[in-house]
Amino acid sequence: MKTYTYKPQGVCSRGITVTVDERNIITDIHIEGGCEGNHSGIIALCLGQEASVVVTKLEGITCGKRKTSCPDQLAKALKAVS
């Protein structure tokens, strides 16, 4: 298992901690701050998925006028732990 804590940039969340197993499957995600409902949904959809697949789906998503989003920041965290 590998766990990584990422400090998001440009979003409401203050921290993202991700854990992947030896097959690069996401086993745990914790997002501190931001919109709890959206984060709960994102986490539920990502758990049990291969990190690289999730990165492909989430990378580049924006939030309003921001050039990033919590899903995009999660993708960055997953790239760092993989």
C-alpha atoms as a PDB file:
ATOM      1  CA  MET A   1       0.000   0.000   0.000  1.00  0.00           C
ATOM      2  CA  LYS A   2       1.144   3.530  -0.780  1.00  0.00           C
ATOM      3  CA  THR A   3      -0.401   6.586   0.857  1.00  0.00           C
ATOM      4  CA  TYR A   4       0.208  10.148  -0.262  1.00  0.00           C
ATOM      5  CA  THR A   5      -1.048  13.464   1.112  1.00  0.00           C
ATOM      6  CA  TYR A   6      -1.399  16.260  -1.421  1.00  0.00           C
ATOM      7  CA  LYS A   7      -1.947  19.979  -0.769  1.00  0.00           C
ATOM      8  CA  PRO A   8      -4.474  21.168  -3.377  1.00  0.00           C
ATOM      9  CA  GLN A   9      -3.947  24.463  -5.205  1.00  0.00           C
ATOM     10  CA  GLY A  10      -6.687  26.844  -6.353  1.00  0.00           C
ATOM     11  CA  VAL A  11      -9.670  24.996  -4.814  1.00  0.00           C
ATOM     12  CA  CYS A  12     -11.681  25.013  -1.586  1.00  0.00           C
ATOM     13  CA  SER A  13     -10.350  21.706  -0.283  1.00  0.00           C
ATOM     14  CA  ARG A  14      -7.273  21.931   1.955  1.00  0.00           C
ATOM     15  CA  GLY A  15      -5.868  18.411   1.716  1.00  0.00           C
ATOM     16  CA  ILE A  16      -6.245  15.174  -0.223  1.00  0.00           C
ATOM     17  CA  THR A  17      -4.933  11.858   1.084  1.00  0.00           C
ATOM     18  CA  VAL A  18      -5.023   8.868  -1.258  1.00  0.00           C
ATOM     19  CA  THR A  19      -4.051   5.236  -0.774  1.00  0.00           C
ATOM     20  CA  VAL A  20      -3.451   2.728  -3.566  1.00  0.00           C
ATOM     21  CA  ASP A  21      -2.565  -0.944  -3.292  1.00  0.00           C
ATOM     22  CA  GLU A  22       0.226  -2.835  -5.064  1.00  0.00           C
ATOM     23  CA  ARG A  23      -1.950  -3.147  -8.202  1.00  0.00           C
ATOM     24  CA  ASN A  24      -2.511   0.650  -8.234  1.00  0.00           C
ATOM     25  CA  ILE A  25      -6.151   0.231  -7.153  1.00  0.00           C
ATOM     26  CA  ILE A  26      -7.544   3.088  -5.067  1.00  0.00           C
ATOM     27  CA  THR A  27      -8.361   1.798  -1.580  1.00  0.00           C
ATOM     28  CA  ASP A  28      -8.937   5.052   0.327  1.00  0.00           C
ATOM     29  CA  ILE A  29      -9.437   8.760  -0.332  1.00  0.00           C
ATOM     30  CA  HIS A  30      -9.897  11.515   2.212  1.00  0.00           C
ATOM     31  CA  ILE A  31     -10.579  15.105   1.129  1.00  0.00           C
ATOM     32  CA  GLU A  32     -10.369  17.806   3.782  1.00  0.00           C
ATOM     33  CA  GLY A  33     -12.530  20.888   3.308  1.00  0.00           C
ATOM     34  CA  GLY A  34     -14.601  21.846   0.293  1.00  0.00           C
ATOM     35  CA  CYS A  35     -18.034  20.501  -0.618  1.00  0.00           C
ATOM     36  CA  GLU A  36     -18.687  17.347   1.416  1.00  0.00           C
ATOM     37  CA  GLY A  37     -21.491  16.091  -0.827  1.00  0.00           C
ATOM     38  CA  ASN A  38     -19.486  16.343  -4.037  1.00  0.00           C
ATOM     39  CA  HIS A  39     -16.430  14.816  -2.411  1.00  0.00           C
ATOM     40  CA  SER A  40     -18.450  11.903  -1.037  1.00  0.00           C
ATOM     41  CA  GLY A  41     -19.781  11.191  -4.527  1.00  0.00           C
ATOM     42  CA  ILE A  42     -16.364  11.433  -6.170  1.00  0.00           C
ATOM     43  CA  ILE A  43     -14.849   9.158  -3.531  1.00  0.00           C
ATOM     44  CA  ALA A  44     -17.614   6.552  -3.904  1.00  0.00           C
ATOM     45  CA  LEU A  45     -17.064   6.447  -7.675  1.00  0.00           C
ATOM     46  CA  CYS A  46     -13.265   6.212  -7.404  1.00  0.00           C
ATOM     47  CA  LEU A  47     -12.792   3.567  -4.710  1.00  0.00           C
ATOM     48  CA  GLY A  48     -11.866   0.198  -6.189  1.00  0.00           C
ATOM     49  CA  GLN A  49     -10.835   1.745  -9.514  1.00  0.00           C
ATOM     50  CA  GLU A  50      -7.384   1.728 -11.068  1.00  0.00           C
ATOM     51  CA  ALA A  51      -5.695   5.074 -10.342  1.00  0.00           C
ATOM     52  CA  SER A  52      -4.606   5.681 -13.953  1.00  0.00           C
ATOM     53  CA  VAL A  53      -8.181   5.239 -15.214  1.00  0.00           C
ATOM     54  CA  VAL A  54      -9.489   7.742 -12.656  1.00  0.00           C
ATOM     55  CA  VAL A  55      -6.726  10.216 -13.557  1.00  0.00           C
ATOM     56  CA  THR A  56      -7.748  10.038 -17.224  1.00  0.00           C
ATOM     57  CA  LYS A  57     -11.376  10.780 -16.328  1.00  0.00           C
ATOM     58  CA  LEU A  58     -10.780  13.595 -13.797  1.00  0.00           C
ATOM     59  CA  GLU A  59      -7.724  15.404 -15.123  1.00  0.00           C
ATOM     60  CA  GLY A  60      -8.501  18.810 -16.604  1.00  0.00           C
ATOM     61  CA  ILE A  61     -11.960  19.284 -15.051  1.00  0.00           C
ATOM     62  CA  THR A  62     -12.497  22.916 -14.064  1.00  0.00           C
ATOM     63  CA  CYS A  63     -14.741  24.564 -11.473  1.00  0.00           C
ATOM     64  CA  GLY A  64     -16.490  27.709 -12.664  1.00  0.00           C
ATOM     65  CA  LYS A  65     -13.869  30.239 -13.757  1.00  0.00           C
ATOM     66  CA  ARG A  66     -11.083  28.363 -11.978  1.00  0.00           C
ATOM     67  CA  LYS A  67      -8.536  26.542 -14.113  1.00  0.00           C
ATOM     68  CA  THR A  68      -8.752  23.515 -11.817  1.00  0.00           C
ATOM     69  CA  SER A  69     -11.232  21.705  -9.556  1.00  0.00           C
ATOM     70  CA  CYS A  70     -11.235  19.240  -6.688  1.00  0.00           C
ATOM     71  CA  PRO A  71     -11.517  16.325  -9.156  1.00  0.00           C
ATOM     72  CA  ASP A  72      -8.556  17.731 -11.118  1.00  0.00           C
ATOM     73  CA  GLN A  73      -6.578  18.091  -7.889  1.00  0.00           C
ATOM     74  CA  LEU A  74      -7.474  14.504  -6.947  1.00  0.00           C
ATOM     75  CA  ALA A  75      -6.052  13.432 -10.319  1.00  0.00           C
ATOM     76  CA  LYS A  76      -2.805  15.235  -9.451  1.00  0.00           C
ATOM     77  CA  ALA A  77      -2.669  13.454  -6.076  1.00  0.00           C
ATOM     78  CA  LEU A  78      -3.243  10.079  -7.756  1.00  0.00           C
ATOM     79  CA  LYS A  79      -0.492  10.772 -10.301  1.00  0.00           C
ATOM     80  CA  ALA A  80       1.880  11.574  -7.432  1.00  0.00           C
ATOM     81  CA  VAL A  81       1.140   8.333  -5.549  1.00  0.00           C
ATOM     82  CA  SER A  82       1.193   6.065  -8.611  1.00  0.00           C
END
